[in-house]
Amino acid sequence: MSILTWTYIMVGLTFSLYIFIAWISRVRDTKGFYVAGGGVPPLANGMATAADWMSAASFISMAGLISFLGYTGSIYLMGWTGGYVLLALLLAPYLRKFGKYTVPDFVGDRYYSDIARVVALICAIFVSLTYVCGQMRGVGIVFSRFLEVPVNTGVLIGMAIVFFYAGLGGMKGITWTQVAQYTVLIIAYIIPAVFISMKITGTPIPQIGFGSHIQEGQYAGQFLLDTLDKLNHDLGFTAYTQPGAKSMLDVFCITFALMVGTAGLPHVIIRFYTVPSVRAARLSAGYALLFIAILYTTAPAVAAFARYNMIDTINNKPYAEAPSWFKNWEKTGLIAWVDKNNDGIIQYRAGKPFKGKPKFSGKTGPLGQKLVKNPITNSPNELYVDRDIMVLANPEIANLPAWVIALVAAGGLAAALSTASGLLLVIASSIAHDLYYRMINRKATEKQRLLVGRIMIGLAVCIAGYFGINPPGFVAQVVAFAFGLAASSFFPIIVLGIFSARTNREGAICGMLAGIIFTAAYIINIKFMGGKPWFMGISAEGIGTIGMVINFIVTIVVSSMTKAPPKEIQDLVNSIRTPRGAGAAVDH
């Protein structure tokens, strides 16, 4: 059977499973909608947390970034993995013991202020919308290639699917759907990695194959990483295992922003409210770390295999003899070639081939290639490759069976949709619970609150779909912006809220506003207004670290200059950190 047929089968089966789970898990009360009734077993919650946390950025884009950036790309690997450890050990048990539905709920009660609640709500929505846009972009890319529809159409299909099962089942439906999605995505990630590792190095364990010898071809007998270093050098790129052009300060800031941003992500934090006790929260955090490690220890190998296979199969090859994977992806516009010297040879070198992304003229050249309007004539590079396609294209590049290629498509969709659903629920619960119920209509019925939540999911899906169609960057870049915003807004306030009884509402409000306004303004200036990284050369992806420091400083200074929190709030903060009664959540 063809790739398209297998894709319809794989995607159809998995989507049917997700919709079936959402249907049987549909809820009619707010506790089920917001926190799945608080009774999810730790093992299942660990799988759901892993699926929630490992988004399209982890599945689709991270290995693609490492593949192109080499050593420098490991900042994403280190930042996201380290961040989850920080969240699991430092914050999750205490937040679970506090016993609130949402992060704005925690901020509002801990800082005894509706203004603080609203500021946290705005931050949660801003962070979540930024993050979910990256997921919609990932969905569009998968559908574009494997269902042979335009990227925009793929985004619209993903919007409809996410709205259905997020709106119907709430957190309960999302949780059990994410258990299934984790199973799909991890199988889809590991199986191709094993096959390709066997094919290139002869070992079935990708993590070992990553450091092994190449088995056949012109580079047989050489270490894979040594070969990649040589290939990159010959093509004008930085050696694969050497640091790139980013400064050490920027590398540190990006890594740290990703790390503390993870610990401040509202859609991950809310997962620890879905288990029955603090002990269960700790167990589910441990399980999630194990499930996350399976993919994250495989990603560097996948990146190296993809880089080697891509260069080996198309560079310096006649376009007329280009492999089928190249022609298939060329139809999507996510890979493009312009013959600058009219020799019919695909030449991949360092440098940008086009101004921005390729803009096609609608005509084809004498060799059948799409003609591009905007080449850069003084650059030797003739090839444009969207970094987000590398994991998805990897099985095709390696000439694996069609069912494996279709399985990867299903896995990419599972990764994107699982995270998107969790993010949409954060947006819905923040508005329906923290704004509508807690501040506007305290007499709202369960039915009214559920209706508001579902309307908000629909609105958020539409906004996310727009930015999925018009993305401000690669999937992992967009997600990195969300992590920076989370780092600069939530992380300091949550840490100080747990560990400092002296931190008050004035400090929290000023700190959140200072952190997120500075970070958002910096990102917008660079990514949308053509500005340069003016603060010590730190990139938009890393500026969240500086925003976090600003938040900490402003919060501590303002708190020290204003009235201390009421005694009952200080007692509450002290009680959260005590082990007494840790077997069950404290309801305040």
Protein backbone atom coordinates (compact mmCIF):
# COMPACT_ATOMS: atom_id res chain seq x y z
CA MET A 1 0.00 0.00 0.00
CA SER A 2 1.04 3.59 -0.58
CA ILE A 3 2.18 6.05 2.09
CA LEU A 4 -1.08 7.97 1.69
CA THR A 5 -3.20 4.86 2.22
CA TRP A 6 -1.21 3.83 5.28
CA THR A 7 -1.47 7.37 6.64
CA TYR A 8 -5.24 7.37 6.32
CA ILE A 9 -5.34 4.03 8.16
CA MET A 10 -2.97 5.06 10.97
CA VAL A 11 -4.39 8.54 11.47
CA GLY A 12 -7.96 7.29 11.15
CA LEU A 13 -7.47 4.56 13.76
CA THR A 14 -5.71 6.83 16.26
CA PHE A 15 -8.18 9.69 15.83
CA SER A 16 -11.08 7.29 16.24
CA LEU A 17 -9.50 6.09 19.48
CA TYR A 18 -9.05 9.65 20.79
CA ILE A 19 -12.62 10.62 19.94
CA PHE A 20 -14.00 7.42 21.48
CA ILE A 21 -12.08 8.07 24.71
CA ALA A 22 -13.30 11.67 24.79
CA TRP A 23 -16.88 10.53 24.29
CA ILE A 24 -16.88 7.93 27.08
CA SER A 25 -15.03 10.38 29.38
CA ARG A 26 -17.34 13.35 28.78
CA VAL A 27 -18.09 15.32 31.93
CA ARG A 28 -21.01 17.28 33.34
CA ASP A 29 -19.38 18.87 36.40
CA THR A 30 -16.61 21.43 36.80
CA LYS A 31 -14.31 19.23 38.90
CA GLY A 32 -14.24 16.65 36.12
CA PHE A 33 -13.79 19.40 33.52
CA TYR A 34 -10.93 21.18 35.32
CA VAL A 35 -9.01 18.43 37.17
CA ALA A 36 -10.51 15.11 35.96
CA GLY A 37 -12.26 14.62 39.31
CA GLY A 38 -8.89 14.50 41.12
CA GLY A 39 -8.74 10.70 40.92
CA VAL A 40 -6.30 9.87 38.10
CA PRO A 41 -3.85 7.03 39.03
CA PRO A 42 -0.18 8.11 39.21
CA LEU A 43 0.98 5.87 36.34
CA ALA A 44 -1.72 7.15 34.00
CA ASN A 45 -1.09 10.72 35.10
CA GLY A 46 2.63 10.24 34.43
CA MET A 47 1.87 9.15 30.87
CA ALA A 48 -0.60 12.00 30.41
CA THR A 49 1.92 14.51 31.81
CA ALA A 50 4.61 13.23 29.44
CA ALA A 51 2.25 13.57 26.47
CA ASP A 52 1.13 17.01 27.67
CA TRP A 53 4.70 18.18 28.08
CA MET A 54 6.24 16.55 24.97
CA SER A 55 4.60 18.72 22.37
CA ALA A 56 5.13 19.06 18.63
CA ALA A 57 8.32 20.91 19.60
CA SER A 58 9.70 17.78 21.26
CA PHE A 59 8.49 15.28 18.66
CA ILE A 60 8.79 17.22 15.42
CA SER A 61 11.03 20.22 15.88
CA MET A 62 13.64 19.52 18.56
CA ALA A 63 15.55 16.84 16.66
CA GLY A 64 15.25 19.02 13.54
CA LEU A 65 16.90 21.92 15.34
CA ILE A 66 19.67 19.66 16.69
CA SER A 67 20.11 18.23 13.19
CA PHE A 68 20.80 21.69 11.76
CA LEU A 69 22.46 23.36 14.76
CA GLY A 70 24.45 20.35 15.98
CA TYR A 71 25.98 20.86 19.40
CA THR A 72 24.25 24.21 19.88
CA GLY A 73 20.85 22.58 19.42
CA SER A 74 21.36 20.66 22.65
CA ILE A 75 20.23 23.76 24.55
CA TYR A 76 16.65 22.69 23.86
CA LEU A 77 17.37 19.17 25.06
CA MET A 78 19.02 20.33 28.29
CA GLY A 79 16.58 23.13 29.03
CA TRP A 80 13.38 21.15 28.65
CA THR A 81 14.64 18.05 30.44
CA GLY A 82 16.20 19.99 33.32
CA GLY A 83 13.06 22.07 33.63
CA TYR A 84 10.87 19.07 34.23
CA VAL A 85 13.20 17.83 37.00
CA LEU A 86 13.00 21.29 38.58
CA LEU A 87 9.20 21.26 38.38
CA ALA A 88 8.84 17.74 39.76
CA LEU A 89 11.16 18.26 42.73
CA LEU A 90 10.71 21.92 43.63
CA LEU A 91 7.13 22.89 42.89
CA ALA A 92 4.69 20.09 42.04
CA PRO A 93 4.16 18.53 45.50
CA TYR A 94 3.63 21.91 47.20
CA LEU A 95 1.21 23.14 44.55
CA ARG A 96 -0.74 19.90 44.83
CA LYS A 97 -0.92 20.29 48.59
CA PHE A 98 -2.31 23.78 48.14
CA GLY A 99 -5.21 22.11 46.33
CA LYS A 100 -6.35 24.69 43.76
CA TYR A 101 -7.65 24.11 40.24
CA THR A 102 -5.46 26.56 38.33
CA VAL A 103 -2.31 28.66 38.61
CA PRO A 104 -4.30 31.95 38.69
CA ASP A 105 -6.37 30.36 41.47
CA PHE A 106 -3.16 29.69 43.42
CA VAL A 107 -1.88 33.22 42.79
CA GLY A 108 -5.21 34.85 43.70
CA ASP A 109 -5.56 32.99 47.01
CA ARG A 110 -1.87 32.97 47.97
CA TYR A 111 -1.55 36.69 47.31
CA TYR A 112 -5.06 37.45 48.64
CA SER A 113 -5.91 39.68 45.70
CA ASP A 114 -8.29 39.60 42.75
CA ILE A 115 -5.94 41.96 40.91
CA ALA A 116 -3.14 39.40 41.30
CA ARG A 117 -5.56 36.74 40.06
CA VAL A 118 -6.39 38.78 36.93
CA VAL A 119 -2.72 39.49 36.18
CA ALA A 120 -1.93 35.76 36.54
CA LEU A 121 -4.92 34.93 34.35
CA ILE A 122 -3.71 37.27 31.60
CA CYS A 123 -0.21 35.79 31.83
CA ALA A 124 -1.61 32.22 31.67
CA ILE A 125 -3.66 33.01 28.58
CA PHE A 126 -0.76 34.81 26.89
CA VAL A 127 1.69 31.97 27.58
CA SER A 128 -0.77 29.24 26.61
CA LEU A 129 -1.84 30.92 23.37
CA THR A 130 1.79 31.39 22.33
CA TYR A 131 2.48 27.73 23.06
CA VAL A 132 -0.61 26.35 21.34
CA CYS A 133 0.20 28.28 18.16
CA GLY A 134 3.32 26.10 17.79
CA GLN A 135 1.20 22.97 18.12
CA MET A 136 -1.20 24.07 15.40
CA ARG A 137 1.77 24.74 13.12
CA GLY A 138 3.01 21.19 13.78
CA VAL A 139 -0.40 19.72 12.97
CA GLY A 140 -0.51 21.66 9.70
CA ILE A 141 2.93 20.37 8.65
CA VAL A 142 1.98 16.74 9.30
CA PHE A 143 -1.31 16.95 7.42
CA SER A 144 0.32 18.92 4.61
CA ARG A 145 2.71 16.13 3.69
CA PHE A 146 0.96 12.94 4.65
CA LEU A 147 -2.63 13.74 3.70
CA GLU A 148 -1.43 15.85 0.76
CA VAL A 149 -3.41 18.93 1.70
CA PRO A 150 -2.19 22.54 2.09
CA VAL A 151 -0.64 23.46 5.45
CA ASN A 152 -3.54 25.85 6.12
CA THR A 153 -6.07 23.08 5.55
CA GLY A 154 -4.11 20.83 7.90
CA VAL A 155 -4.30 23.46 10.62
CA LEU A 156 -8.08 23.73 10.18
CA ILE A 157 -8.50 19.94 10.47
CA GLY A 158 -6.43 19.94 13.67
CA MET A 159 -8.50 22.78 15.10
CA ALA A 160 -11.71 20.82 14.62
CA ILE A 161 -10.34 17.64 16.22
CA VAL A 162 -8.87 19.42 19.25
CA PHE A 163 -12.02 21.44 19.86
CA PHE A 164 -14.14 18.29 19.80
CA TYR A 165 -12.36 16.25 22.44
CA ALA A 166 -11.10 19.13 24.61
CA GLY A 167 -14.53 20.73 24.75
CA LEU A 168 -16.42 17.49 25.26
CA GLY A 169 -14.41 15.71 27.93
CA GLY A 170 -12.54 18.52 29.67
CA MET A 171 -9.55 17.43 31.74
CA LYS A 172 -10.98 13.95 32.27
CA GLY A 173 -11.29 13.30 28.54
CA ILE A 174 -7.96 15.00 27.84
CA THR A 175 -6.14 12.93 30.49
CA TRP A 176 -7.20 9.54 29.16
CA THR A 177 -6.77 10.69 25.57
CA GLN A 178 -3.22 11.76 26.44
CA VAL A 179 -2.46 8.31 27.85
CA ALA A 180 -3.32 6.88 24.43
CA GLN A 181 -1.44 9.68 22.66
CA TYR A 182 1.73 9.06 24.66
CA THR A 183 1.61 5.40 23.68
CA VAL A 184 1.22 6.34 20.00
CA LEU A 185 3.89 9.05 19.96
CA ILE A 186 6.59 7.07 21.77
CA ILE A 187 6.09 3.99 19.55
CA ALA A 188 6.13 6.25 16.50
CA TYR A 189 9.38 7.88 17.64
CA ILE A 190 11.29 4.77 18.72
CA ILE A 191 10.49 2.32 15.89
CA PRO A 192 11.96 4.46 13.06
CA ALA A 193 14.95 5.35 15.25
CA VAL A 194 15.67 1.65 15.80
CA PHE A 195 15.32 0.82 12.09
CA ILE A 196 17.54 3.71 10.97
CA SER A 197 20.16 2.96 13.64
CA MET A 198 20.31 -0.64 12.39
CA LYS A 199 20.58 0.54 8.80
CA ILE A 200 23.38 3.07 9.38
CA THR A 201 25.38 1.57 12.26
CA GLY A 202 24.19 -2.01 12.65
CA THR A 203 23.04 -1.55 16.25
CA PRO A 204 19.34 -1.55 17.24
CA ILE A 205 19.82 0.88 20.14
CA PRO A 206 19.81 4.45 18.78
CA GLN A 207 21.62 5.86 21.80
CA ILE A 208 24.54 3.48 21.09
CA GLY A 209 24.30 3.87 17.32
CA PHE A 210 24.72 7.63 17.80
CA GLY A 211 28.35 7.00 18.82
CA SER A 212 29.07 4.05 16.54
CA HIS A 213 30.72 3.43 13.17
CA ILE A 214 28.89 3.78 9.87
CA GLN A 215 28.24 0.31 8.48
CA GLU A 216 28.25 0.81 4.69
CA GLY A 217 28.73 3.34 1.89
CA GLN A 218 31.59 5.69 1.16
CA TYR A 219 32.04 6.52 4.87
CA ALA A 220 31.96 2.90 6.09
CA GLY A 221 34.16 2.29 9.14
CA GLN A 222 34.13 5.95 10.24
CA PHE A 223 32.41 7.21 13.38
CA LEU A 224 29.06 8.82 12.60
CA LEU A 225 29.83 12.03 14.50
CA ASP A 226 33.31 12.33 12.93
CA THR A 227 31.70 12.00 9.51
CA LEU A 228 29.12 14.68 10.32
CA ASP A 229 31.89 17.01 11.50
CA LYS A 230 33.71 16.55 8.20
CA LEU A 231 30.58 16.92 6.07
CA ASN A 232 29.53 20.10 7.88
CA HIS A 233 33.04 21.55 7.56
CA ASP A 234 33.23 20.77 3.83
CA LEU A 235 29.83 22.44 3.28
CA GLY A 236 30.85 25.59 5.17
CA PHE A 237 28.92 24.90 8.37
CA THR A 238 30.26 24.76 11.92
CA ALA A 239 31.40 21.24 12.82
CA TYR A 240 28.47 19.21 14.13
CA THR A 241 30.01 18.58 17.56
CA GLN A 242 31.34 22.13 18.02
CA PRO A 243 29.54 25.19 19.48
CA GLY A 244 27.96 27.49 16.91
CA ALA A 245 27.84 31.25 16.61
CA LYS A 246 25.77 31.86 19.76
CA SER A 247 27.64 33.39 22.69
CA MET A 248 28.01 31.40 25.89
CA LEU A 249 25.81 33.94 27.67
CA ASP A 250 23.02 33.47 25.13
CA VAL A 251 23.32 29.69 25.32
CA PHE A 252 23.06 29.87 29.11
CA CYS A 253 20.06 32.23 28.97
CA ILE A 254 18.16 30.10 26.46
CA THR A 255 18.82 26.92 28.44
CA PHE A 256 17.84 28.51 31.74
CA ALA A 257 14.73 30.16 30.27
CA LEU A 258 13.58 26.80 28.92
CA MET A 259 14.29 25.20 32.28
CA VAL A 260 12.47 27.63 34.54
CA GLY A 261 9.83 28.17 31.87
CA THR A 262 8.97 24.48 32.12
CA ALA A 263 8.51 24.88 35.86
CA GLY A 264 6.14 27.78 35.25
CA LEU A 265 3.98 26.30 32.49
CA PRO A 266 0.36 26.32 33.66
CA HIS A 267 -0.76 23.37 31.52
CA VAL A 268 1.90 21.12 33.10
CA ILE A 269 1.36 22.37 36.65
CA ILE A 270 -2.38 21.69 36.47
CA ARG A 271 -1.66 18.00 35.85
CA PHE A 272 -0.60 17.60 39.48
CA TYR A 273 -4.09 18.57 40.61
CA THR A 274 -5.62 15.57 38.84
CA VAL A 275 -4.23 12.95 41.26
CA PRO A 276 -5.80 12.08 44.63
CA SER A 277 -2.89 13.00 46.95
CA VAL A 278 0.48 14.69 47.31
CA ARG A 279 2.18 11.28 47.36
CA ALA A 280 0.45 10.45 44.07
CA ALA A 281 1.69 13.76 42.65
CA ARG A 282 5.27 12.81 43.50
CA LEU A 283 4.84 9.34 41.98
CA SER A 284 3.29 10.68 38.78
CA ALA A 285 6.17 13.18 38.46
CA GLY A 286 8.65 10.29 38.65
CA TYR A 287 6.77 8.24 36.09
CA ALA A 288 6.54 11.23 33.75
CA LEU A 289 10.29 11.83 33.97
CA LEU A 290 10.91 8.20 32.98
CA PHE A 291 8.52 8.41 30.04
CA ILE A 292 10.01 11.73 28.91
CA ALA A 293 13.57 10.36 29.11
CA ILE A 294 12.76 7.62 26.60
CA LEU A 295 12.18 10.19 23.86
CA TYR A 296 14.75 12.75 24.95
CA THR A 297 17.65 10.32 25.05
CA THR A 298 16.70 9.16 21.55
CA ALA A 299 16.38 12.64 19.98
CA PRO A 300 20.13 13.35 19.50
CA ALA A 301 20.52 10.08 17.62
CA VAL A 302 17.49 10.81 15.44
CA ALA A 303 18.95 14.25 14.66
CA ALA A 304 22.33 12.84 13.66
CA PHE A 305 20.80 10.10 11.50
CA ALA A 306 18.56 12.62 9.73
CA ARG A 307 21.44 15.01 9.04
CA TYR A 308 23.67 12.27 7.65
CA ASN A 309 20.95 10.74 5.47
CA MET A 310 19.78 14.10 4.11
CA ILE A 311 23.27 15.18 2.98
CA ASP A 312 24.09 11.71 1.67
CA THR A 313 20.94 11.37 -0.45
CA ILE A 314 20.59 14.79 -2.10
CA ASN A 315 23.73 16.94 -1.92
CA ASN A 316 25.57 17.21 -5.25
CA LYS A 317 22.99 14.95 -6.87
CA PRO A 318 21.28 15.80 -10.17
CA TYR A 319 17.78 17.14 -9.57
CA ALA A 320 16.44 14.76 -12.21
CA GLU A 321 17.67 11.86 -10.05
CA ALA A 322 16.49 13.32 -6.72
CA PRO A 323 14.95 10.66 -4.43
CA SER A 324 11.20 10.36 -4.01
CA TRP A 325 11.24 11.81 -0.47
CA PHE A 326 12.63 15.08 -1.85
CA LYS A 327 9.93 15.33 -4.54
CA ASN A 328 7.19 14.45 -2.03
CA TRP A 329 8.20 17.16 0.45
CA GLU A 330 8.85 19.66 -2.34
CA LYS A 331 5.11 19.63 -3.04
CA THR A 332 4.47 21.09 0.43
CA GLY A 333 6.81 24.05 -0.08
CA LEU A 334 8.75 23.02 3.03
CA ILE A 335 11.78 22.05 0.96
CA ALA A 336 12.79 23.93 -2.16
CA TRP A 337 15.64 24.14 -4.68
CA VAL A 338 16.71 26.91 -7.03
CA ASP A 339 19.32 26.18 -9.69
CA LYS A 340 21.48 29.29 -9.40
CA ASN A 341 24.21 28.16 -11.81
CA ASN A 342 21.93 26.24 -14.21
CA ASP A 343 23.88 22.98 -13.89
CA GLY A 344 20.94 20.83 -12.73
CA ILE A 345 22.84 19.80 -9.57
CA ILE A 346 21.44 20.26 -6.04
CA GLN A 347 24.10 22.12 -4.09
CA TYR A 348 23.62 22.39 -0.34
CA ARG A 349 26.00 24.82 1.35
CA ALA A 350 26.13 27.26 4.24
CA GLY A 351 24.11 30.40 3.58
CA LYS A 352 20.52 31.34 2.90
CA PRO A 353 19.18 30.30 -0.50
CA PHE A 354 16.24 32.72 -0.49
CA LYS A 355 15.09 35.98 1.00
CA GLY A 356 12.87 34.77 3.82
CA LYS A 357 10.99 31.61 2.94
CA PRO A 358 10.66 30.44 -0.68
CA LYS A 359 8.04 32.18 -2.79
CA PHE A 360 7.13 30.16 -5.82
CA SER A 361 6.34 31.72 -9.18
CA GLY A 362 3.73 29.11 -10.05
CA LYS A 363 5.89 27.89 -12.94
CA THR A 364 8.21 24.93 -13.31
CA GLY A 365 11.70 24.87 -14.73
CA PRO A 366 13.10 22.63 -17.49
CA LEU A 367 13.86 19.93 -14.92
CA GLY A 368 10.36 20.00 -13.47
CA GLN A 369 11.32 21.94 -10.33
CA LYS A 370 9.18 24.71 -8.87
CA LEU A 371 10.68 28.06 -9.78
CA VAL A 372 11.37 30.42 -6.89
CA LYS A 373 10.99 34.20 -7.12
CA ASN A 374 13.36 35.28 -4.39
CA PRO A 375 16.82 33.66 -4.58
CA ILE A 376 19.90 35.26 -3.02
CA THR A 377 22.33 35.23 -5.93
CA ASN A 378 25.50 35.82 -3.89
CA SER A 379 24.93 32.74 -1.71
CA PRO A 380 26.28 29.36 -2.90
CA ASN A 381 23.40 27.52 -1.21
CA GLU A 382 20.63 26.31 -3.51
CA LEU A 383 18.57 24.33 -1.02
CA TYR A 384 15.93 25.42 1.50
CA VAL A 385 14.89 22.86 4.13
CA ASP A 386 12.33 23.69 6.81
CA ARG A 387 13.80 22.36 10.04
CA ASP A 388 10.42 21.15 11.22
CA ILE A 389 10.27 18.42 8.57
CA MET A 390 13.37 16.45 9.55
CA VAL A 391 11.82 13.97 11.99
CA LEU A 392 8.78 13.48 9.78
CA ALA A 393 10.89 13.04 6.63
CA ASN A 394 13.53 10.88 8.31
CA PRO A 395 11.83 7.49 7.63
CA GLU A 396 11.30 8.47 3.99
CA ILE A 397 14.90 9.63 3.63
CA ALA A 398 16.04 6.27 5.05
CA ASN A 399 13.66 4.47 2.66
CA LEU A 400 11.76 2.70 5.44
CA PRO A 401 8.44 0.89 4.77
CA ALA A 402 5.32 2.99 4.14
CA TRP A 403 3.64 1.87 7.38
CA VAL A 404 6.57 3.24 9.42
CA ILE A 405 6.30 6.59 7.64
CA ALA A 406 2.56 6.69 8.36
CA LEU A 407 3.18 5.75 12.00
CA VAL A 408 5.48 8.77 12.40
CA ALA A 409 2.73 11.00 11.01
CA ALA A 410 0.30 9.62 13.61
CA GLY A 411 2.91 10.17 16.33
CA GLY A 412 3.53 13.77 15.30
CA LEU A 413 -0.18 14.48 15.41
CA ALA A 414 -0.47 12.79 18.82
CA ALA A 415 2.33 14.98 20.22
CA ALA A 416 0.84 18.21 18.87
CA LEU A 417 -2.78 17.47 19.77
CA SER A 418 -2.04 16.21 23.29
CA THR A 419 -0.29 19.44 24.26
CA ALA A 420 -2.76 21.63 22.41
CA SER A 421 -5.68 20.14 24.33
CA GLY A 422 -3.98 20.73 27.69
CA LEU A 423 -3.19 24.33 26.78
CA LEU A 424 -6.71 25.02 25.62
CA LEU A 425 -8.06 23.71 28.91
CA VAL A 426 -5.77 26.11 30.81
CA ILE A 427 -7.22 29.00 28.82
CA ALA A 428 -10.78 27.80 29.32
CA SER A 429 -10.42 27.12 33.04
CA SER A 430 -8.61 30.40 33.66
CA ILE A 431 -11.46 32.40 32.17
CA ALA A 432 -14.41 30.26 33.22
CA HIS A 433 -13.24 29.56 36.78
CA ASP A 434 -10.88 32.38 37.77
CA LEU A 435 -12.58 35.25 35.95
CA TYR A 436 -16.21 34.32 35.40
CA TYR A 437 -16.94 32.27 38.53
CA ARG A 438 -14.52 33.73 41.07
CA MET A 439 -14.92 37.39 40.09
CA ILE A 440 -18.00 37.99 37.92
CA ASN A 441 -20.74 35.53 38.89
CA ARG A 442 -20.23 33.60 42.14
CA LYS A 443 -23.74 32.18 41.74
CA ALA A 444 -23.03 30.60 38.35
CA THR A 445 -24.32 27.05 38.01
CA GLU A 446 -22.17 24.08 36.93
CA LYS A 447 -23.88 24.19 33.54
CA GLN A 448 -23.11 27.89 33.05
CA ARG A 449 -19.46 27.46 34.01
CA LEU A 450 -19.03 24.50 31.65
CA LEU A 451 -20.65 26.47 28.82
CA VAL A 452 -18.30 29.43 29.36
CA GLY A 453 -15.32 27.05 29.44
CA ARG A 454 -16.30 25.42 26.16
CA ILE A 455 -16.90 28.77 24.47
CA MET A 456 -13.43 29.88 25.56
CA ILE A 457 -11.90 26.69 24.14
CA GLY A 458 -13.54 27.49 20.80
CA LEU A 459 -12.24 31.07 20.80
CA ALA A 460 -8.73 29.94 21.76
CA VAL A 461 -8.74 27.33 18.98
CA CYS A 462 -9.55 30.04 16.43
CA ILE A 463 -6.73 32.33 17.63
CA ALA A 464 -4.26 29.43 17.74
CA GLY A 465 -5.31 28.38 14.26
CA TYR A 466 -4.60 31.85 12.90
CA PHE A 467 -1.05 31.83 14.25
CA GLY A 468 -0.61 28.22 13.15
CA ILE A 469 -1.29 29.44 9.61
CA ASN A 470 0.87 32.55 10.08
CA PRO A 471 3.64 31.35 12.44
CA PRO A 472 6.31 33.73 13.80
CA GLY A 473 9.00 31.02 13.61
CA PHE A 474 9.77 27.31 13.68
CA VAL A 475 7.67 25.19 16.05
CA ALA A 476 10.44 24.93 18.63
CA GLN A 477 11.16 28.66 18.39
CA VAL A 478 7.52 29.57 19.00
CA VAL A 479 7.42 27.17 21.94
CA ALA A 480 10.65 28.68 23.27
CA PHE A 481 8.93 32.08 23.32
CA ALA A 482 6.15 30.57 25.45
CA PHE A 483 8.71 29.14 27.86
CA GLY A 484 10.39 32.54 28.15
CA LEU A 485 7.06 34.18 28.93
CA ALA A 486 6.29 31.51 31.56
CA ALA A 487 9.74 31.94 33.09
CA SER A 488 9.37 35.71 33.37
CA SER A 489 5.82 35.68 34.76
CA PHE A 490 4.99 32.57 36.79
CA PHE A 491 8.18 30.95 38.02
CA PRO A 492 9.29 33.67 40.50
CA ILE A 493 5.76 34.18 41.84
CA ILE A 494 5.20 30.46 42.41
CA VAL A 495 8.62 29.92 44.02
CA LEU A 496 8.27 32.93 46.32
CA GLY A 497 4.64 32.02 47.00
CA ILE A 498 5.76 28.64 48.34
CA PHE A 499 9.06 29.47 50.03
CA SER A 500 8.68 33.10 51.20
CA ALA A 501 5.89 33.98 53.60
CA ARG A 502 6.94 37.65 53.41
CA THR A 503 6.13 38.05 49.70
CA ASN A 504 2.92 40.04 49.39
CA ARG A 505 0.33 40.92 46.77
CA GLU A 506 1.88 44.26 45.78
CA GLY A 507 5.19 42.57 45.09
CA ALA A 508 3.59 39.72 43.14
CA ILE A 509 1.52 42.03 40.93
CA CYS A 510 4.43 44.35 40.14
CA GLY A 511 6.82 41.45 39.58
CA MET A 512 4.55 39.59 37.15
CA LEU A 513 3.82 42.72 35.16
CA ALA A 514 7.46 43.82 35.01
CA GLY A 515 8.68 40.36 33.97
CA ILE A 516 6.19 39.55 31.25
CA ILE A 517 5.98 43.08 29.79
CA PHE A 518 9.76 43.28 29.42
CA THR A 519 10.01 39.78 27.91
CA ALA A 520 7.05 40.15 25.55
CA ALA A 521 8.20 43.57 24.35
CA TYR A 522 11.71 42.22 23.66
CA ILE A 523 10.38 39.22 21.70
CA ILE A 524 7.91 41.33 19.71
CA ASN A 525 10.59 43.90 18.88
CA ILE A 526 12.97 41.27 17.52
CA LYS A 527 10.55 38.87 15.83
CA PHE A 528 7.89 41.21 14.50
CA MET A 529 9.49 44.66 14.24
CA GLY A 530 12.92 43.82 12.84
CA GLY A 531 14.85 44.83 15.97
CA LYS A 532 18.23 43.47 17.01
CA PRO A 533 19.05 41.67 20.30
CA TRP A 534 20.06 44.83 22.16
CA PHE A 535 20.42 43.46 25.71
CA MET A 536 23.93 41.96 25.88
CA GLY A 537 23.26 40.12 22.60
CA ILE A 538 20.71 37.80 24.21
CA SER A 539 18.27 36.31 21.68
CA ALA A 540 14.48 36.38 21.86
CA GLU A 541 14.52 32.70 22.91
CA GLY A 542 16.73 33.46 25.93
CA ILE A 543 15.39 36.80 27.15
CA GLY A 544 12.95 35.06 29.50
CA THR A 545 15.88 34.51 31.88
CA ILE A 546 16.39 38.26 32.20
CA GLY A 547 12.63 38.76 32.57
CA MET A 548 12.66 36.20 35.38
CA VAL A 549 15.48 38.05 37.18
CA ILE A 550 13.56 41.33 36.81
CA ASN A 551 10.45 39.64 38.23
CA PHE A 552 12.36 38.31 41.25
CA ILE A 553 14.01 41.67 41.97
CA VAL A 554 10.82 43.72 41.59
CA THR A 555 8.76 41.27 43.67
CA ILE A 556 11.27 41.13 46.52
CA VAL A 557 11.95 44.88 46.57
CA VAL A 558 8.28 45.91 46.43
CA SER A 559 7.32 43.29 49.04
CA SER A 560 10.00 44.56 51.42
CA MET A 561 8.75 48.13 51.04
CA THR A 562 5.07 47.36 51.58
CA LYS A 563 2.92 45.77 54.26
CA ALA A 564 3.52 42.10 55.10
CA PRO A 565 0.81 39.57 54.16
CA PRO A 566 -1.90 38.81 56.78
CA LYS A 567 -0.97 36.27 59.44
CA GLU A 568 -3.36 33.64 58.04
CA ILE A 569 -1.59 33.83 54.66
CA GLN A 570 1.82 33.46 56.29
CA ASP A 571 0.55 30.48 58.28
CA LEU A 572 -0.82 28.99 55.07
CA VAL A 573 2.54 29.34 53.32
CA ASN A 574 4.35 27.71 56.21
CA SER A 575 1.84 24.85 56.35
CA ILE A 576 2.31 24.03 52.63
CA ARG A 577 5.94 23.10 53.23
CA THR A 578 5.37 20.90 56.27
CA PRO A 579 5.20 17.12 55.74
CA ARG A 580 2.37 16.80 58.26
CA GLY A 581 -0.75 15.57 56.45
CA ALA A 582 1.11 15.17 53.18
CA GLY A 583 -0.94 12.12 52.26
CA ALA A 584 -3.91 14.22 51.23
CA ALA A 585 -4.48 17.61 49.74
CA VAL A 586 -5.22 20.51 52.05
CA ASP A 587 -8.40 22.27 50.97
CA HIS A 588 -8.30 26.01 51.55
